[in-house]
Amino acid sequence: MTTPSPRRRAPGMSPDQRRAMIVAAALPLVAESGTAVTTSQIALAAGIGEATVFRVFADKDEVLNACMAEALRPDHAVAEIAAISMDRPLADRLTEAADALQAHLARIGTVAGALMASGHARRESAARHGDREGSMEAIKAAVAELFEPGTLRVPADQAAAVFLGLLFTRGRTGDPGTAALVDIFLHGALNGGPA
């Protein structure tokens, strides 16, 4: 007869690690249900007891605000852009970067839309939810790294800024599609004849 081994507790986490784990579990629930999500559902998704949520968050509003702050962070998009292989043609690299950024913007829109539609008024200042300028600089720097040195007529950060400007206004100006946008960016709108 074998003696069952005693259950071992999961290793302890710092409060910051616990908050990050809870937010990661809560994000898809918030995106789907907005403020209708319960702390019980969040705890279940995180694999913890509901009381654990309140050890690191004062209330559900603080969890919701942390989810919005996480959605705004550019880290995921920057990491995806940084992972793009420089062995691929520039047009493909820029298309992949555009796709990563579109996914990032969609994530922000989904979480913000769900929270706003369900009546969650952001009580925190924008500064608490993220540094917009810093986020854009991180994204611009990641895109600038996609250009090979010596191939541009302008500095890489300037080319990245123009590319991002085209990308972020595409819904407002009629969407030519990602491949067409990259082609226009790289080759211009002229057919090559005299202007």
C-alpha atoms as a PDB file:
ATOM      1  CA  MET A   1       0.000   0.000   0.000  1.00  0.00           C
ATOM      2  CA  THR A   2       1.443   3.339  -1.017  1.00  0.00           C
ATOM      3  CA  THR A   3       1.151   6.411   1.072  1.00  0.00           C
ATOM      4  CA  PRO A   4      -0.181   9.375  -0.859  1.00  0.00           C
ATOM      5  CA  SER A   5       2.346  12.136  -1.101  1.00  0.00           C
ATOM      6  CA  PRO A   6       1.333  15.287   0.713  1.00  0.00           C
ATOM      7  CA  ARG A   7      -0.087  18.075  -1.419  1.00  0.00           C
ATOM      8  CA  ARG A   8       2.393  20.781  -2.053  1.00  0.00           C
ATOM      9  CA  ARG A   9       1.401  24.382  -2.335  1.00  0.00           C
ATOM     10  CA  ALA A  10       2.320  26.300  -5.399  1.00  0.00           C
ATOM     11  CA  PRO A  11       5.418  28.414  -4.926  1.00  0.00           C
ATOM     12  CA  GLY A  12       4.733  31.796  -3.432  1.00  0.00           C
ATOM     13  CA  MET A  13       4.481  34.845  -5.636  1.00  0.00           C
ATOM     14  CA  SER A  14       5.297  38.426  -4.926  1.00  0.00           C
ATOM     15  CA  PRO A  15       2.305  40.785  -4.923  1.00  0.00           C
ATOM     16  CA  ASP A  16       3.388  42.132  -8.324  1.00  0.00           C
ATOM     17  CA  GLN A  17       3.626  38.627  -9.777  1.00  0.00           C
ATOM     18  CA  ARG A  18       0.225  37.754  -8.313  1.00  0.00           C
ATOM     19  CA  ARG A  19      -1.321  40.929  -9.773  1.00  0.00           C
ATOM     20  CA  ALA A  20       0.155  40.147 -13.199  1.00  0.00           C
ATOM     21  CA  MET A  21      -1.174  36.583 -13.076  1.00  0.00           C
ATOM     22  CA  ILE A  22      -4.655  37.762 -12.090  1.00  0.00           C
ATOM     23  CA  VAL A  23      -4.717  40.436 -14.798  1.00  0.00           C
ATOM     24  CA  ALA A  24      -3.608  37.899 -17.429  1.00  0.00           C
ATOM     25  CA  ALA A  25      -6.486  35.631 -16.404  1.00  0.00           C
ATOM     26  CA  ALA A  26      -8.967  38.513 -16.208  1.00  0.00           C
ATOM     27  CA  LEU A  27      -8.193  40.172 -19.569  1.00  0.00           C
ATOM     28  CA  PRO A  28     -10.142  37.756 -21.796  1.00  0.00           C
ATOM     29  CA  LEU A  29     -13.055  37.797 -19.355  1.00  0.00           C
ATOM     30  CA  VAL A  30     -13.105  41.601 -19.262  1.00  0.00           C
ATOM     31  CA  ALA A  31     -12.891  41.754 -23.052  1.00  0.00           C
ATOM     32  CA  GLU A  32     -15.901  39.460 -23.279  1.00  0.00           C
ATOM     33  CA  SER A  33     -18.069  40.678 -20.405  1.00  0.00           C
ATOM     34  CA  GLY A  34     -16.834  44.135 -19.413  1.00  0.00           C
ATOM     35  CA  THR A  35     -17.873  45.085 -15.908  1.00  0.00           C
ATOM     36  CA  ALA A  36     -20.289  42.154 -15.714  1.00  0.00           C
ATOM     37  CA  VAL A  37     -17.343  39.874 -14.983  1.00  0.00           C
ATOM     38  CA  THR A  38     -17.217  38.881 -11.327  1.00  0.00           C
ATOM     39  CA  THR A  39     -14.211  38.531  -9.096  1.00  0.00           C
ATOM     40  CA  SER A  40     -15.316  34.925  -8.586  1.00  0.00           C
ATOM     41  CA  GLN A  41     -15.005  34.303 -12.350  1.00  0.00           C
ATOM     42  CA  ILE A  42     -11.612  36.006 -12.390  1.00  0.00           C
ATOM     43  CA  ALA A  43     -10.396  33.886  -9.469  1.00  0.00           C
ATOM     44  CA  LEU A  44     -11.631  30.694 -11.143  1.00  0.00           C
ATOM     45  CA  ALA A  45      -9.851  31.613 -14.391  1.00  0.00           C
ATOM     46  CA  ALA A  46      -6.669  32.339 -12.436  1.00  0.00           C
ATOM     47  CA  GLY A  47      -6.928  29.092 -10.467  1.00  0.00           C
ATOM     48  CA  ILE A  48      -7.004  30.859  -7.101  1.00  0.00           C
ATOM     49  CA  GLY A  49      -9.490  31.606  -4.377  1.00  0.00           C
ATOM     50  CA  GLU A  50     -11.514  34.792  -4.631  1.00  0.00           C
ATOM     51  CA  ALA A  51      -9.976  36.137  -1.425  1.00  0.00           C
ATOM     52  CA  THR A  52      -6.573  36.041  -3.120  1.00  0.00           C
ATOM     53  CA  VAL A  53      -7.793  38.619  -5.644  1.00  0.00           C
ATOM     54  CA  PHE A  54      -8.476  41.001  -2.769  1.00  0.00           C
ATOM     55  CA  ARG A  55      -5.057  40.464  -1.259  1.00  0.00           C
ATOM     56  CA  VAL A  56      -3.510  42.377  -4.154  1.00  0.00           C
ATOM     57  CA  PHE A  57      -6.428  44.497  -5.433  1.00  0.00           C
ATOM     58  CA  ALA A  58      -8.582  46.793  -3.324  1.00  0.00           C
ATOM     59  CA  ASP A  59     -11.739  46.073  -5.339  1.00  0.00           C
ATOM     60  CA  LYS A  60     -13.033  44.984  -8.727  1.00  0.00           C
ATOM     61  CA  ASP A  61     -12.605  48.491 -10.175  1.00  0.00           C
ATOM     62  CA  GLU A  62      -8.900  48.259  -9.460  1.00  0.00           C
ATOM     63  CA  VAL A  63      -8.766  44.921 -11.313  1.00  0.00           C
ATOM     64  CA  LEU A  64     -10.610  46.479 -14.280  1.00  0.00           C
ATOM     65  CA  ASN A  65      -8.253  49.463 -14.332  1.00  0.00           C
ATOM     66  CA  ALA A  66      -5.256  47.111 -14.218  1.00  0.00           C
ATOM     67  CA  CYS A  67      -6.696  45.187 -17.180  1.00  0.00           C
ATOM     68  CA  MET A  68      -7.022  48.404 -19.183  1.00  0.00           C
ATOM     69  CA  ALA A  69      -3.473  49.403 -18.277  1.00  0.00           C
ATOM     70  CA  GLU A  70      -2.218  45.980 -19.394  1.00  0.00           C
ATOM     71  CA  ALA A  71      -4.097  46.216 -22.707  1.00  0.00           C
ATOM     72  CA  LEU A  72      -2.464  49.600 -23.367  1.00  0.00           C
ATOM     73  CA  ARG A  73       1.072  48.331 -22.788  1.00  0.00           C
ATOM     74  CA  PRO A  74       2.986  47.961 -26.060  1.00  0.00           C
ATOM     75  CA  ASP A  75       5.271  45.181 -24.780  1.00  0.00           C
ATOM     76  CA  HIS A  76       3.549  42.379 -26.702  1.00  0.00           C
ATOM     77  CA  ALA A  77       3.563  44.282 -29.998  1.00  0.00           C
ATOM     78  CA  VAL A  78       7.167  45.418 -29.520  1.00  0.00           C
ATOM     79  CA  ALA A  79       8.262  41.829 -28.800  1.00  0.00           C
ATOM     80  CA  GLU A  80       6.446  40.541 -31.901  1.00  0.00           C
ATOM     81  CA  ILE A  81       8.081  43.203 -34.062  1.00  0.00           C
ATOM     82  CA  ALA A  82      11.504  42.466 -32.562  1.00  0.00           C
ATOM     83  CA  ALA A  83      11.038  38.779 -33.403  1.00  0.00           C
ATOM     84  CA  ILE A  84      10.549  39.461 -37.130  1.00  0.00           C
ATOM     85  CA  SER A  85      13.405  37.912 -39.074  1.00  0.00           C
ATOM     86  CA  MET A  86      15.686  40.335 -40.881  1.00  0.00           C
ATOM     87  CA  ASP A  87      16.218  37.597 -43.477  1.00  0.00           C
ATOM     88  CA  ARG A  88      12.760  38.303 -44.895  1.00  0.00           C
ATOM     89  CA  PRO A  89      12.190  41.000 -47.530  1.00  0.00           C
ATOM     90  CA  LEU A  90      11.470  44.468 -46.141  1.00  0.00           C
ATOM     91  CA  ALA A  91       7.894  44.464 -47.463  1.00  0.00           C
ATOM     92  CA  ASP A  92       7.210  41.217 -45.574  1.00  0.00           C
ATOM     93  CA  ARG A  93       8.816  42.582 -42.399  1.00  0.00           C
ATOM     94  CA  LEU A  94       6.653  45.704 -42.545  1.00  0.00           C
ATOM     95  CA  THR A  95       3.530  43.652 -43.252  1.00  0.00           C
ATOM     96  CA  GLU A  96       4.243  41.490 -40.186  1.00  0.00           C
ATOM     97  CA  ALA A  97       4.830  44.620 -38.099  1.00  0.00           C
ATOM     98  CA  ALA A  98       1.556  46.103 -39.344  1.00  0.00           C
ATOM     99  CA  ASP A  99      -0.278  42.898 -38.415  1.00  0.00           C
ATOM    100  CA  ALA A 100       1.248  42.924 -34.916  1.00  0.00           C
ATOM    101  CA  LEU A 101       0.244  46.549 -34.425  1.00  0.00           C
ATOM    102  CA  GLN A 102      -3.280  45.948 -35.729  1.00  0.00           C
ATOM    103  CA  ALA A 103      -3.638  43.103 -33.208  1.00  0.00           C
ATOM    104  CA  HIS A 104      -2.371  45.425 -30.459  1.00  0.00           C
ATOM    105  CA  LEU A 105      -4.886  48.125 -31.408  1.00  0.00           C
ATOM    106  CA  ALA A 106      -7.682  45.547 -31.628  1.00  0.00           C
ATOM    107  CA  ARG A 107      -6.830  44.314 -28.130  1.00  0.00           C
ATOM    108  CA  ILE A 108      -6.983  47.855 -26.758  1.00  0.00           C
ATOM    109  CA  GLY A 109     -10.268  48.481 -28.564  1.00  0.00           C
ATOM    110  CA  THR A 110     -11.841  45.261 -27.354  1.00  0.00           C
ATOM    111  CA  VAL A 111     -10.996  45.825 -23.698  1.00  0.00           C
ATOM    112  CA  ALA A 112     -11.789  49.565 -23.736  1.00  0.00           C
ATOM    113  CA  GLY A 113     -15.008  48.992 -25.671  1.00  0.00           C
ATOM    114  CA  ALA A 114     -16.209  46.269 -23.304  1.00  0.00           C
ATOM    115  CA  LEU A 115     -15.484  48.411 -20.260  1.00  0.00           C
ATOM    116  CA  MET A 116     -17.087  51.543 -21.681  1.00  0.00           C
ATOM    117  CA  ALA A 117     -20.125  49.692 -23.047  1.00  0.00           C
ATOM    118  CA  SER A 118     -20.758  48.179 -19.644  1.00  0.00           C
ATOM    119  CA  GLY A 119     -20.533  51.526 -17.877  1.00  0.00           C
ATOM    120  CA  HIS A 120     -17.034  51.478 -16.433  1.00  0.00           C
ATOM    121  CA  ALA A 121     -15.863  55.054 -16.111  1.00  0.00           C
ATOM    122  CA  ARG A 122     -12.103  55.211 -15.871  1.00  0.00           C
ATOM    123  CA  ARG A 123     -11.433  56.974 -12.630  1.00  0.00           C
ATOM    124  CA  GLU A 124      -7.707  56.714 -12.925  1.00  0.00           C
ATOM    125  CA  SER A 125      -5.734  59.293 -14.834  1.00  0.00           C
ATOM    126  CA  ALA A 126      -4.391  58.437 -18.256  1.00  0.00           C
ATOM    127  CA  ALA A 127      -0.894  58.604 -16.806  1.00  0.00           C
ATOM    128  CA  ARG A 128      -1.719  55.691 -14.497  1.00  0.00           C
ATOM    129  CA  HIS A 129      -2.853  53.606 -17.474  1.00  0.00           C
ATOM    130  CA  GLY A 130       0.282  54.059 -19.433  1.00  0.00           C
ATOM    131  CA  ASP A 131       2.556  56.530 -21.018  1.00  0.00           C
ATOM    132  CA  ARG A 132       1.159  57.099 -24.503  1.00  0.00           C
ATOM    133  CA  GLU A 133       4.235  58.948 -25.752  1.00  0.00           C
ATOM    134  CA  GLY A 134       6.559  56.337 -24.295  1.00  0.00           C
ATOM    135  CA  SER A 135       4.494  53.553 -25.865  1.00  0.00           C
ATOM    136  CA  MET A 136       4.644  55.184 -29.279  1.00  0.00           C
ATOM    137  CA  GLU A 137       8.403  55.709 -28.952  1.00  0.00           C
ATOM    138  CA  ALA A 138       8.913  52.024 -28.098  1.00  0.00           C
ATOM    139  CA  ILE A 139       6.808  50.955 -31.079  1.00  0.00           C
ATOM    140  CA  LYS A 140       8.557  53.428 -33.405  1.00  0.00           C
ATOM    141  CA  ALA A 141      11.985  52.197 -32.265  1.00  0.00           C
ATOM    142  CA  ALA A 142      10.973  48.575 -32.893  1.00  0.00           C
ATOM    143  CA  VAL A 143       9.745  49.411 -36.408  1.00  0.00           C
ATOM    144  CA  ALA A 144      12.895  51.451 -37.115  1.00  0.00           C
ATOM    145  CA  GLU A 145      14.964  48.328 -36.355  1.00  0.00           C
ATOM    146  CA  LEU A 146      13.294  46.588 -39.321  1.00  0.00           C
ATOM    147  CA  PHE A 147      15.113  48.826 -41.797  1.00  0.00           C
ATOM    148  CA  GLU A 148      18.575  47.762 -42.862  1.00  0.00           C
ATOM    149  CA  PRO A 149      21.255  50.405 -42.329  1.00  0.00           C
ATOM    150  CA  GLY A 150      22.132  52.337 -45.460  1.00  0.00           C
ATOM    151  CA  THR A 151      18.955  51.511 -47.380  1.00  0.00           C
ATOM    152  CA  LEU A 152      16.927  54.621 -46.577  1.00  0.00           C
ATOM    153  CA  ARG A 153      17.006  58.199 -47.855  1.00  0.00           C
ATOM    154  CA  VAL A 154      15.802  59.369 -44.419  1.00  0.00           C
ATOM    155  CA  PRO A 155      16.689  58.345 -40.857  1.00  0.00           C
ATOM    156  CA  ALA A 156      15.122  55.040 -39.795  1.00  0.00           C
ATOM    157  CA  ASP A 157      13.151  56.646 -36.965  1.00  0.00           C
ATOM    158  CA  GLN A 158      11.640  59.151 -39.422  1.00  0.00           C
ATOM    159  CA  ALA A 159      10.692  56.355 -41.846  1.00  0.00           C
ATOM    160  CA  ALA A 160       9.161  54.419 -38.941  1.00  0.00           C
ATOM    161  CA  ALA A 161       7.138  57.481 -37.877  1.00  0.00           C
ATOM    162  CA  VAL A 162       5.771  57.946 -41.412  1.00  0.00           C
ATOM    163  CA  PHE A 163       4.934  54.242 -41.684  1.00  0.00           C
ATOM    164  CA  LEU A 164       3.105  54.328 -38.345  1.00  0.00           C
ATOM    165  CA  GLY A 165       1.253  57.466 -39.417  1.00  0.00           C
ATOM    166  CA  LEU A 166      -0.014  55.672 -42.519  1.00  0.00           C
ATOM    167  CA  LEU A 167      -0.884  52.570 -40.549  1.00  0.00           C
ATOM    168  CA  PHE A 168      -2.763  54.340 -37.767  1.00  0.00           C
ATOM    169  CA  THR A 169      -4.863  56.473 -40.134  1.00  0.00           C
ATOM    170  CA  ARG A 170      -5.819  53.721 -42.552  1.00  0.00           C
ATOM    171  CA  GLY A 171      -9.316  53.226 -41.130  1.00  0.00           C
ATOM    172  CA  ARG A 172     -10.065  56.929 -41.567  1.00  0.00           C
ATOM    173  CA  THR A 173      -8.761  57.300 -45.105  1.00  0.00           C
ATOM    174  CA  GLY A 174     -10.150  54.184 -46.721  1.00  0.00           C
ATOM    175  CA  ASP A 175      -8.338  50.927 -46.115  1.00  0.00           C
ATOM    176  CA  PRO A 176      -6.149  49.929 -49.052  1.00  0.00           C
ATOM    177  CA  GLY A 177      -5.155  46.724 -47.247  1.00  0.00           C
ATOM    178  CA  THR A 178      -1.868  46.025 -45.501  1.00  0.00           C
ATOM    179  CA  ALA A 179       0.051  44.861 -48.579  1.00  0.00           C
ATOM    180  CA  ALA A 180      -1.058  47.921 -50.594  1.00  0.00           C
ATOM    181  CA  LEU A 181      -0.208  50.255 -47.727  1.00  0.00           C
ATOM    182  CA  VAL A 182       3.294  48.758 -47.451  1.00  0.00           C
ATOM    183  CA  ASP A 183       3.734  49.011 -51.225  1.00  0.00           C
ATOM    184  CA  ILE A 184       2.674  52.680 -51.276  1.00  0.00           C
ATOM    185  CA  PHE A 185       4.968  53.401 -48.337  1.00  0.00           C
ATOM    186  CA  LEU A 186       7.963  51.730 -49.988  1.00  0.00           C
ATOM    187  CA  HIS A 187       7.393  52.750 -53.605  1.00  0.00           C
ATOM    188  CA  GLY A 188       5.137  55.811 -53.496  1.00  0.00           C
ATOM    189  CA  ALA A 189       1.925  56.459 -55.328  1.00  0.00           C
ATOM    190  CA  LEU A 190       3.415  57.496 -58.666  1.00  0.00           C
ATOM    191  CA  ASN A 191       3.699  55.014 -61.518  1.00  0.00           C
ATOM    192  CA  GLY A 192       7.304  55.907 -62.196  1.00  0.00           C
ATOM    193  CA  GLY A 193       6.638  58.279 -65.087  1.00  0.00           C
ATOM    194  CA  PRO A 194       7.304  62.030 -65.005  1.00  0.00           C
ATOM    195  CA  ALA A 195       5.278  63.902 -62.420  1.00  0.00           C
END
